[in-house]
Amino acid sequence: MAYVIAEPCIGTKDSACVDVCPVDCIHPRKDEPAFETETQLYINPDECIDCGACVPVCPVTAIFALEDLPQKWTEYTKINADYYKKA
């Protein structure tokens, strides 16, 4: 997984990252049913191309390169991956 969305996204779900992603790997989008029920957005670890376009547009600084993910949020690597396993 190249990038991970962590705790600051919870309750925010700003979709600026969705709009700039060139491979459409950030979900749920506003037009998807899960957008209302999910607490945050998630990056698909199998589809992310490590471009970093999402990082500067996140208004709450919730997106991190895996190697830069703060220790206190390491569980978000699994949380992001698990979202796509259930889909």
PDB file of N, CA and C in Angstrom:
ATOM      1  N   MET A   1       0.851  -1.181   0.000  1.00  0.00           N
ATOM      2  CA  MET A   1       0.000   0.000   0.000  1.00  0.00           C
ATOM      3  C   MET A   1       0.887   1.231   0.000  1.00  0.00           C
ATOM      4  N   ALA A   2       0.632   2.118  -0.907  1.00  0.00           N
ATOM      5  CA  ALA A   2       1.453   3.308  -1.019  1.00  0.00           C
ATOM      6  C   ALA A   2       1.014   4.399  -0.049  1.00  0.00           C
ATOM      7  N   TYR A   3      -0.287   4.650   0.032  1.00  0.00           N
ATOM      8  CA  TYR A   3      -0.812   5.703   0.896  1.00  0.00           C
ATOM      9  C   TYR A   3      -1.941   5.171   1.761  1.00  0.00           C
ATOM     10  N   VAL A   4      -2.121   5.815   2.917  1.00  0.00           N
ATOM     11  CA  VAL A   4      -3.112   5.397   3.901  1.00  0.00           C
ATOM     12  C   VAL A   4      -3.881   6.631   4.365  1.00  0.00           C
ATOM     13  N   ILE A   5      -5.186   6.492   4.501  1.00  0.00           N
ATOM     14  CA  ILE A   5      -5.996   7.553   5.080  1.00  0.00           C
ATOM     15  C   ILE A   5      -6.194   7.205   6.551  1.00  0.00           C
ATOM     16  N   ALA A   6      -5.856   8.155   7.427  1.00  0.00           N
ATOM     17  CA  ALA A   6      -5.871   7.899   8.866  1.00  0.00           C
ATOM     18  C   ALA A   6      -6.970   8.676   9.595  1.00  0.00           C
ATOM     19  N   GLU A   7      -6.881   8.678  10.906  1.00  0.00           N
ATOM     20  CA  GLU A   7      -7.912   9.195  11.797  1.00  0.00           C
ATOM     21  C   GLU A   7      -8.451  10.597  11.490  1.00  0.00           C
ATOM     22  N   PRO A   8      -7.625  11.557  11.051  1.00  0.00           N
ATOM     23  CA  PRO A   8      -8.179  12.894  10.808  1.00  0.00           C
ATOM     24  C   PRO A   8      -9.335  12.929   9.796  1.00  0.00           C
ATOM     25  N   CYS A   9      -9.470  11.902   8.974  1.00  0.00           N
ATOM     26  CA  CYS A   9     -10.559  11.850   7.991  1.00  0.00           C
ATOM     27  C   CYS A   9     -11.903  11.512   8.632  1.00  0.00           C
ATOM     28  N   ILE A  10     -11.879  10.873   9.784  1.00  0.00           N
ATOM     29  CA  ILE A  10     -13.121  10.434  10.416  1.00  0.00           C
ATOM     30  C   ILE A  10     -14.032  11.638  10.658  1.00  0.00           C
ATOM     31  N   GLY A  11     -15.239  11.535  10.125  1.00  0.00           N
ATOM     32  CA  GLY A  11     -16.214  12.595  10.264  1.00  0.00           C
ATOM     33  C   GLY A  11     -16.069  13.731   9.280  1.00  0.00           C
ATOM     34  N   THR A  12     -14.949  13.787   8.570  1.00  0.00           N
ATOM     35  CA  THR A  12     -14.718  14.862   7.600  1.00  0.00           C
ATOM     36  C   THR A  12     -15.129  14.418   6.203  1.00  0.00           C
ATOM     37  N   LYS A  13     -14.507  13.339   5.728  1.00  0.00           N
ATOM     38  CA  LYS A  13     -14.784  12.753   4.412  1.00  0.00           C
ATOM     39  C   LYS A  13     -14.805  13.795   3.299  1.00  0.00           C
ATOM     40  N   ASP A  14     -13.860  14.727   3.322  1.00  0.00           N
ATOM     41  CA  ASP A  14     -13.737  15.698   2.243  1.00  0.00           C
ATOM     42  C   ASP A  14     -13.292  14.945   1.000  1.00  0.00           C
ATOM     43  N   SER A  15     -13.969  15.147  -0.090  1.00  0.00           N
ATOM     44  CA  SER A  15     -13.695  14.342  -1.280  1.00  0.00           C
ATOM     45  C   SER A  15     -12.711  14.980  -2.257  1.00  0.00           C
ATOM     46  N   ALA A  16     -11.950  15.958  -1.831  1.00  0.00           N
ATOM     47  CA  ALA A  16     -10.947  16.563  -2.710  1.00  0.00           C
ATOM     48  C   ALA A  16      -9.955  15.504  -3.189  1.00  0.00           C
ATOM     49  N   CYS A  17      -9.626  14.556  -2.318  1.00  0.00           N
ATOM     50  CA  CYS A  17      -8.686  13.494  -2.695  1.00  0.00           C
ATOM     51  C   CYS A  17      -9.275  12.589  -3.766  1.00  0.00           C
ATOM     52  N   VAL A  18     -10.555  12.336  -3.667  1.00  0.00           N
ATOM     53  CA  VAL A  18     -11.247  11.496  -4.649  1.00  0.00           C
ATOM     54  C   VAL A  18     -11.167  12.151  -6.024  1.00  0.00           C
ATOM     55  N   ASP A  19     -11.362  13.456  -6.059  1.00  0.00           N
ATOM     56  CA  ASP A  19     -11.391  14.202  -7.320  1.00  0.00           C
ATOM     57  C   ASP A  19     -10.043  14.228  -8.037  1.00  0.00           C
ATOM     58  N   VAL A  20      -8.939  14.186  -7.293  1.00  0.00           N
ATOM     59  CA  VAL A  20      -7.620  14.269  -7.928  1.00  0.00           C
ATOM     60  C   VAL A  20      -6.970  12.919  -8.191  1.00  0.00           C
ATOM     61  N   CYS A  21      -7.528  11.856  -7.661  1.00  0.00           N
ATOM     62  CA  CYS A  21      -6.919  10.530  -7.834  1.00  0.00           C
ATOM     63  C   CYS A  21      -7.020  10.085  -9.299  1.00  0.00           C
ATOM     64  N   PRO A  22      -5.890   9.856  -9.956  1.00  0.00           N
ATOM     65  CA  PRO A  22      -5.924   9.492 -11.379  1.00  0.00           C
ATOM     66  C   PRO A  22      -6.390   8.059 -11.652  1.00  0.00           C
ATOM     67  N   VAL A  23      -6.423   7.218 -10.614  1.00  0.00           N
ATOM     68  CA  VAL A  23      -6.826   5.821 -10.816  1.00  0.00           C
ATOM     69  C   VAL A  23      -8.101   5.453 -10.061  1.00  0.00           C
ATOM     70  N   ASP A  24      -8.787   6.437  -9.508  1.00  0.00           N
ATOM     71  CA  ASP A  24     -10.068   6.222  -8.825  1.00  0.00           C
ATOM     72  C   ASP A  24      -9.968   5.135  -7.752  1.00  0.00           C
ATOM     73  N   CYS A  25      -8.969   5.259  -6.873  1.00  0.00           N
ATOM     74  CA  CYS A  25      -8.782   4.228  -5.852  1.00  0.00           C
ATOM     75  C   CYS A  25      -9.198   4.666  -4.456  1.00  0.00           C
ATOM     76  N   ILE A  26      -9.867   5.829  -4.344  1.00  0.00           N
ATOM     77  CA  ILE A  26     -10.309   6.312  -3.038  1.00  0.00           C
ATOM     78  C   ILE A  26     -11.834   6.256  -2.994  1.00  0.00           C
ATOM     79  N   HIS A  27     -12.335   5.538  -1.988  1.00  0.00           N
ATOM     80  CA  HIS A  27     -13.782   5.327  -1.871  1.00  0.00           C
ATOM     81  C   HIS A  27     -14.193   5.376  -0.411  1.00  0.00           C
ATOM     82  N   PRO A  28     -15.456   5.516  -0.105  1.00  0.00           N
ATOM     83  CA  PRO A  28     -16.558   5.668  -1.047  1.00  0.00           C
ATOM     84  C   PRO A  28     -16.658   7.107  -1.556  1.00  0.00           C
ATOM     85  N   ARG A  29     -17.072   7.222  -2.820  1.00  0.00           N
ATOM     86  CA  ARG A  29     -17.327   8.530  -3.413  1.00  0.00           C
ATOM     87  C   ARG A  29     -18.693   9.020  -2.944  1.00  0.00           C
ATOM     88  N   LYS A  30     -18.935  10.306  -3.107  1.00  0.00           N
ATOM     89  CA  LYS A  30     -20.218  10.888  -2.675  1.00  0.00           C
ATOM     90  C   LYS A  30     -21.415  10.245  -3.365  1.00  0.00           C
ATOM     91  N   ASP A  31     -21.218   9.702  -4.573  1.00  0.00           N
ATOM     92  CA  ASP A  31     -22.333   9.102  -5.312  1.00  0.00           C
ATOM     93  C   ASP A  31     -22.510   7.609  -5.011  1.00  0.00           C
ATOM     94  N   GLU A  32     -21.747   7.084  -4.072  1.00  0.00           N
ATOM     95  CA  GLU A  32     -21.868   5.676  -3.687  1.00  0.00           C
ATOM     96  C   GLU A  32     -22.670   5.559  -2.389  1.00  0.00           C
ATOM     97  N   PRO A  33     -23.508   4.523  -2.275  1.00  0.00           N
ATOM     98  CA  PRO A  33     -24.341   4.365  -1.079  1.00  0.00           C
ATOM     99  C   PRO A  33     -23.544   4.336   0.228  1.00  0.00           C
ATOM    100  N   ALA A  34     -22.374   3.777   0.213  1.00  0.00           N
ATOM    101  CA  ALA A  34     -21.572   3.648   1.428  1.00  0.00           C
ATOM    102  C   ALA A  34     -21.065   4.990   1.961  1.00  0.00           C
ATOM    103  N   PHE A  35     -21.129   6.035   1.145  1.00  0.00           N
ATOM    104  CA  PHE A  35     -20.621   7.334   1.586  1.00  0.00           C
ATOM    105  C   PHE A  35     -21.332   7.812   2.852  1.00  0.00           C
ATOM    106  N   GLU A  36     -22.610   7.588   2.932  1.00  0.00           N
ATOM    107  CA  GLU A  36     -23.387   8.049   4.095  1.00  0.00           C
ATOM    108  C   GLU A  36     -23.083   7.250   5.359  1.00  0.00           C
ATOM    109  N   THR A  37     -22.786   5.973   5.219  1.00  0.00           N
ATOM    110  CA  THR A  37     -22.615   5.128   6.394  1.00  0.00           C
ATOM    111  C   THR A  37     -21.169   4.985   6.870  1.00  0.00           C
ATOM    112  N   GLU A  38     -20.225   5.144   5.987  1.00  0.00           N
ATOM    113  CA  GLU A  38     -18.819   5.030   6.388  1.00  0.00           C
ATOM    114  C   GLU A  38     -18.384   6.288   7.138  1.00  0.00           C
ATOM    115  N   THR A  39     -17.467   6.131   8.071  1.00  0.00           N
ATOM    116  CA  THR A  39     -17.010   7.270   8.858  1.00  0.00           C
ATOM    117  C   THR A  39     -15.843   8.011   8.220  1.00  0.00           C
ATOM    118  N   GLN A  40     -15.191   7.366   7.235  1.00  0.00           N
ATOM    119  CA  GLN A  40     -14.038   7.975   6.587  1.00  0.00           C
ATOM    120  C   GLN A  40     -13.920   7.452   5.156  1.00  0.00           C
ATOM    121  N   LEU A  41     -12.942   7.977   4.417  1.00  0.00           N
ATOM    122  CA  LEU A  41     -12.630   7.489   3.078  1.00  0.00           C
ATOM    123  C   LEU A  41     -11.455   6.524   3.194  1.00  0.00           C
ATOM    124  N   TYR A  42     -11.278   5.685   2.159  1.00  0.00           N
ATOM    125  CA  TYR A  42     -10.251   4.650   2.192  1.00  0.00           C
ATOM    126  C   TYR A  42      -9.523   4.588   0.849  1.00  0.00           C
ATOM    127  N   ILE A  43      -8.233   4.257   0.903  1.00  0.00           N
ATOM    128  CA  ILE A  43      -7.430   4.080  -0.308  1.00  0.00           C
ATOM    129  C   ILE A  43      -7.260   2.591  -0.561  1.00  0.00           C
ATOM    130  N   ASN A  44      -7.564   2.169  -1.785  1.00  0.00           N
ATOM    131  CA  ASN A  44      -7.415   0.766  -2.156  1.00  0.00           C
ATOM    132  C   ASN A  44      -5.923   0.456  -2.317  1.00  0.00           C
ATOM    133  N   PRO A  45      -5.381  -0.421  -1.479  1.00  0.00           N
ATOM    134  CA  PRO A  45      -3.946  -0.703  -1.534  1.00  0.00           C
ATOM    135  C   PRO A  45      -3.499  -1.401  -2.810  1.00  0.00           C
ATOM    136  N   ASP A  46      -4.403  -2.070  -3.487  1.00  0.00           N
ATOM    137  CA  ASP A  46      -4.040  -2.777  -4.713  1.00  0.00           C
ATOM    138  C   ASP A  46      -4.088  -1.887  -5.949  1.00  0.00           C
ATOM    139  N   GLU A  47      -4.784  -0.767  -5.849  1.00  0.00           N
ATOM    140  CA  GLU A  47      -4.944   0.117  -7.004  1.00  0.00           C
ATOM    141  C   GLU A  47      -4.119   1.403  -6.921  1.00  0.00           C
ATOM    142  N   CYS A  48      -3.712   1.786  -5.721  1.00  0.00           N
ATOM    143  CA  CYS A  48      -2.948   3.016  -5.541  1.00  0.00           C
ATOM    144  C   CYS A  48      -1.624   2.908  -6.298  1.00  0.00           C
ATOM    145  N   ILE A  49      -1.306   3.952  -7.071  1.00  0.00           N
ATOM    146  CA  ILE A  49      -0.080   3.939  -7.874  1.00  0.00           C
ATOM    147  C   ILE A  49       1.035   4.786  -7.254  1.00  0.00           C
ATOM    148  N   ASP A  50       0.855   5.197  -6.005  1.00  0.00           N
ATOM    149  CA  ASP A  50       1.899   5.916  -5.282  1.00  0.00           C
ATOM    150  C   ASP A  50       2.239   7.259  -5.911  1.00  0.00           C
ATOM    151  N   CYS A  51       1.226   7.940  -6.467  1.00  0.00           N
ATOM    152  CA  CYS A  51       1.499   9.222  -7.124  1.00  0.00           C
ATOM    153  C   CYS A  51       1.517  10.392  -6.143  1.00  0.00           C
ATOM    154  N   GLY A  52       0.815  10.263  -5.019  1.00  0.00           N
ATOM    155  CA  GLY A  52       0.811  11.316  -4.018  1.00  0.00           C
ATOM    156  C   GLY A  52      -0.081  12.501  -4.312  1.00  0.00           C
ATOM    157  N   ALA A  53      -0.878  12.453  -5.369  1.00  0.00           N
ATOM    158  CA  ALA A  53      -1.736  13.586  -5.733  1.00  0.00           C
ATOM    159  C   ALA A  53      -2.747  13.913  -4.642  1.00  0.00           C
ATOM    160  N   CYS A  54      -3.132  12.935  -3.870  1.00  0.00           N
ATOM    161  CA  CYS A  54      -4.149  13.122  -2.831  1.00  0.00           C
ATOM    162  C   CYS A  54      -3.636  13.871  -1.606  1.00  0.00           C
ATOM    163  N   VAL A  55      -2.363  13.764  -1.324  1.00  0.00           N
ATOM    164  CA  VAL A  55      -1.808  14.304  -0.085  1.00  0.00           C
ATOM    165  C   VAL A  55      -1.986  15.827   0.051  1.00  0.00           C
ATOM    166  N   PRO A  56      -1.563  16.623  -0.919  1.00  0.00           N
ATOM    167  CA  PRO A  56      -1.656  18.075  -0.717  1.00  0.00           C
ATOM    168  C   PRO A  56      -3.076  18.640  -0.720  1.00  0.00           C
ATOM    169  N   VAL A  57      -4.039  17.914  -1.242  1.00  0.00           N
ATOM    170  CA  VAL A  57      -5.408  18.448  -1.297  1.00  0.00           C
ATOM    171  C   VAL A  57      -6.242  18.079  -0.069  1.00  0.00           C
ATOM    172  N   CYS A  58      -5.747  17.225   0.787  1.00  0.00           N
ATOM    173  CA  CYS A  58      -6.497  16.824   1.982  1.00  0.00           C
ATOM    174  C   CYS A  58      -6.497  17.983   2.988  1.00  0.00           C
ATOM    175  N   PRO A  59      -7.686  18.522   3.300  1.00  0.00           N
ATOM    176  CA  PRO A  59      -7.746  19.680   4.189  1.00  0.00           C
ATOM    177  C   PRO A  59      -7.466  19.366   5.667  1.00  0.00           C
ATOM    178  N   VAL A  60      -7.467  18.083   6.024  1.00  0.00           N
ATOM    179  CA  VAL A  60      -7.229  17.708   7.421  1.00  0.00           C
ATOM    180  C   VAL A  60      -5.943  16.899   7.611  1.00  0.00           C
ATOM    181  N   THR A  61      -5.104  16.843   6.593  1.00  0.00           N
ATOM    182  CA  THR A  61      -3.828  16.122   6.640  1.00  0.00           C
ATOM    183  C   THR A  61      -4.014  14.702   7.162  1.00  0.00           C
ATOM    184  N   ALA A  62      -4.898  13.970   6.487  1.00  0.00           N
ATOM    185  CA  ALA A  62      -5.211  12.602   6.903  1.00  0.00           C
ATOM    186  C   ALA A  62      -4.528  11.538   6.057  1.00  0.00           C
ATOM    187  N   ILE A  63      -3.851  11.940   4.975  1.00  0.00           N
ATOM    188  CA  ILE A  63      -3.273  10.962   4.044  1.00  0.00           C
ATOM    189  C   ILE A  63      -1.756  10.948   4.189  1.00  0.00           C
ATOM    190  N   PHE A  64      -1.233   9.743   4.366  1.00  0.00           N
ATOM    191  CA  PHE A  64       0.197   9.579   4.590  1.00  0.00           C
ATOM    192  C   PHE A  64       0.757   8.477   3.701  1.00  0.00           C
ATOM    193  N   ALA A  65       1.988   8.674   3.239  1.00  0.00           N
ATOM    194  CA  ALA A  65       2.717   7.574   2.619  1.00  0.00           C
ATOM    195  C   ALA A  65       2.911   6.541   3.720  1.00  0.00           C
ATOM    196  N   LEU A  66       2.863   5.288   3.376  1.00  0.00           N
ATOM    197  CA  LEU A  66       2.954   4.223   4.376  1.00  0.00           C
ATOM    198  C   LEU A  66       4.149   4.410   5.307  1.00  0.00           C
ATOM    199  N   GLU A  67       5.286   4.755   4.753  1.00  0.00           N
ATOM    200  CA  GLU A  67       6.484   4.912   5.581  1.00  0.00           C
ATOM    201  C   GLU A  67       6.449   6.165   6.462  1.00  0.00           C
ATOM    202  N   ASP A  68       5.529   7.091   6.177  1.00  0.00           N
ATOM    203  CA  ASP A  68       5.405   8.312   6.970  1.00  0.00           C
ATOM    204  C   ASP A  68       4.211   8.297   7.923  1.00  0.00           C
ATOM    205  N   LEU A  69       3.471   7.205   7.935  1.00  0.00           N
ATOM    206  CA  LEU A  69       2.291   7.098   8.786  1.00  0.00           C
ATOM    207  C   LEU A  69       2.706   7.160  10.255  1.00  0.00           C
ATOM    208  N   PRO A  70       2.144   8.103  11.023  1.00  0.00           N
ATOM    209  CA  PRO A  70       2.510   8.180  12.433  1.00  0.00           C
ATOM    210  C   PRO A  70       2.220   6.863  13.166  1.00  0.00           C
ATOM    211  N   GLN A  71       3.085   6.518  14.069  1.00  0.00           N
ATOM    212  CA  GLN A  71       2.970   5.266  14.825  1.00  0.00           C
ATOM    213  C   GLN A  71       1.594   5.106  15.462  1.00  0.00           C
ATOM    214  N   LYS A  72       1.031   6.206  15.958  1.00  0.00           N
ATOM    215  CA  LYS A  72      -0.261   6.131  16.643  1.00  0.00           C
ATOM    216  C   LYS A  72      -1.412   5.747  15.711  1.00  0.00           C
ATOM    217  N   TRP A  73      -1.182   5.794  14.398  1.00  0.00           N
ATOM    218  CA  TRP A  73      -2.235   5.460  13.437  1.00  0.00           C
ATOM    219  C   TRP A  73      -1.885   4.254  12.572  1.00  0.00           C
ATOM    220  N   THR A  74      -0.977   3.412  12.986  1.00  0.00           N
ATOM    221  CA  THR A  74      -0.576   2.271  12.162  1.00  0.00           C
ATOM    222  C   THR A  74      -1.726   1.323  11.861  1.00  0.00           C
ATOM    223  N   GLU A  75      -2.735   1.251  12.745  1.00  0.00           N
ATOM    224  CA  GLU A  75      -3.870   0.359  12.495  1.00  0.00           C
ATOM    225  C   GLU A  75      -4.676   0.770  11.268  1.00  0.00           C
ATOM    226  N   TYR A  76      -4.490   1.986  10.792  1.00  0.00           N
ATOM    227  CA  TYR A  76      -5.239   2.445   9.619  1.00  0.00           C
ATOM    228  C   TYR A  76      -4.764   1.784   8.324  1.00  0.00           C
ATOM    229  N   THR A  77      -3.585   1.220   8.330  1.00  0.00           N
ATOM    230  CA  THR A  77      -3.135   0.453   7.166  1.00  0.00           C
ATOM    231  C   THR A  77      -4.082  -0.729   6.962  1.00  0.00           C
ATOM    232  N   LYS A  78      -4.366  -1.442   8.036  1.00  0.00           N
ATOM    233  CA  LYS A  78      -5.283  -2.578   7.977  1.00  0.00           C
ATOM    234  C   LYS A  78      -6.723  -2.123   7.739  1.00  0.00           C
ATOM    235  N   ILE A  79      -7.121  -1.039   8.366  1.00  0.00           N
ATOM    236  CA  ILE A  79      -8.487  -0.525   8.201  1.00  0.00           C
ATOM    237  C   ILE A  79      -8.758  -0.190   6.738  1.00  0.00           C
ATOM    238  N   ASN A  80      -7.801   0.461   6.065  1.00  0.00           N
ATOM    239  CA  ASN A  80      -7.971   0.782   4.650  1.00  0.00           C
ATOM    240  C   ASN A  80      -8.067  -0.483   3.816  1.00  0.00           C
ATOM    241  N   ALA A  81      -7.170  -1.429   4.038  1.00  0.00           N
ATOM    242  CA  ALA A  81      -7.167  -2.685   3.271  1.00  0.00           C
ATOM    243  C   ALA A  81      -8.445  -3.489   3.519  1.00  0.00           C
ATOM    244  N   ASP A  82      -8.881  -3.541   4.777  1.00  0.00           N
ATOM    245  CA  ASP A  82     -10.078  -4.320   5.110  1.00  0.00           C
ATOM    246  C   ASP A  82     -11.340  -3.776   4.453  1.00  0.00           C
ATOM    247  N   TYR A  83     -11.406  -2.475   4.236  1.00  0.00           N
ATOM    248  CA  TYR A  83     -12.585  -1.889   3.571  1.00  0.00           C
ATOM    249  C   TYR A  83     -12.772  -2.520   2.186  1.00  0.00           C
ATOM    250  N   TYR A  84     -11.680  -2.734   1.493  1.00  0.00           N
ATOM    251  CA  TYR A  84     -11.765  -3.298   0.138  1.00  0.00           C
ATOM    252  C   TYR A  84     -11.941  -4.806   0.128  1.00  0.00           C
ATOM    253  N   LYS A  85     -11.584  -5.475   1.189  1.00  0.00           N
ATOM    254  CA  LYS A  85     -11.808  -6.921   1.283  1.00  0.00           C
ATOM    255  C   LYS A  85     -13.287  -7.251   1.428  1.00  0.00           C
ATOM    256  N   LYS A  86     -14.036  -6.368   2.083  1.00  0.00           N
ATOM    257  CA  LYS A  86     -15.469  -6.632   2.283  1.00  0.00           C
ATOM    258  C   LYS A  86     -16.321  -6.197   1.110  1.00  0.00           C
ATOM    259  N   ALA A  87     -15.745  -5.408   0.216  1.00  0.00           N
ATOM    260  CA  ALA A  87     -16.510  -4.889  -0.928  1.00  0.00           C
ATOM    261  C   ALA A  87     -16.774  -5.937  -1.972  1.00  0.00           C
TER     262      ALA A  87
END
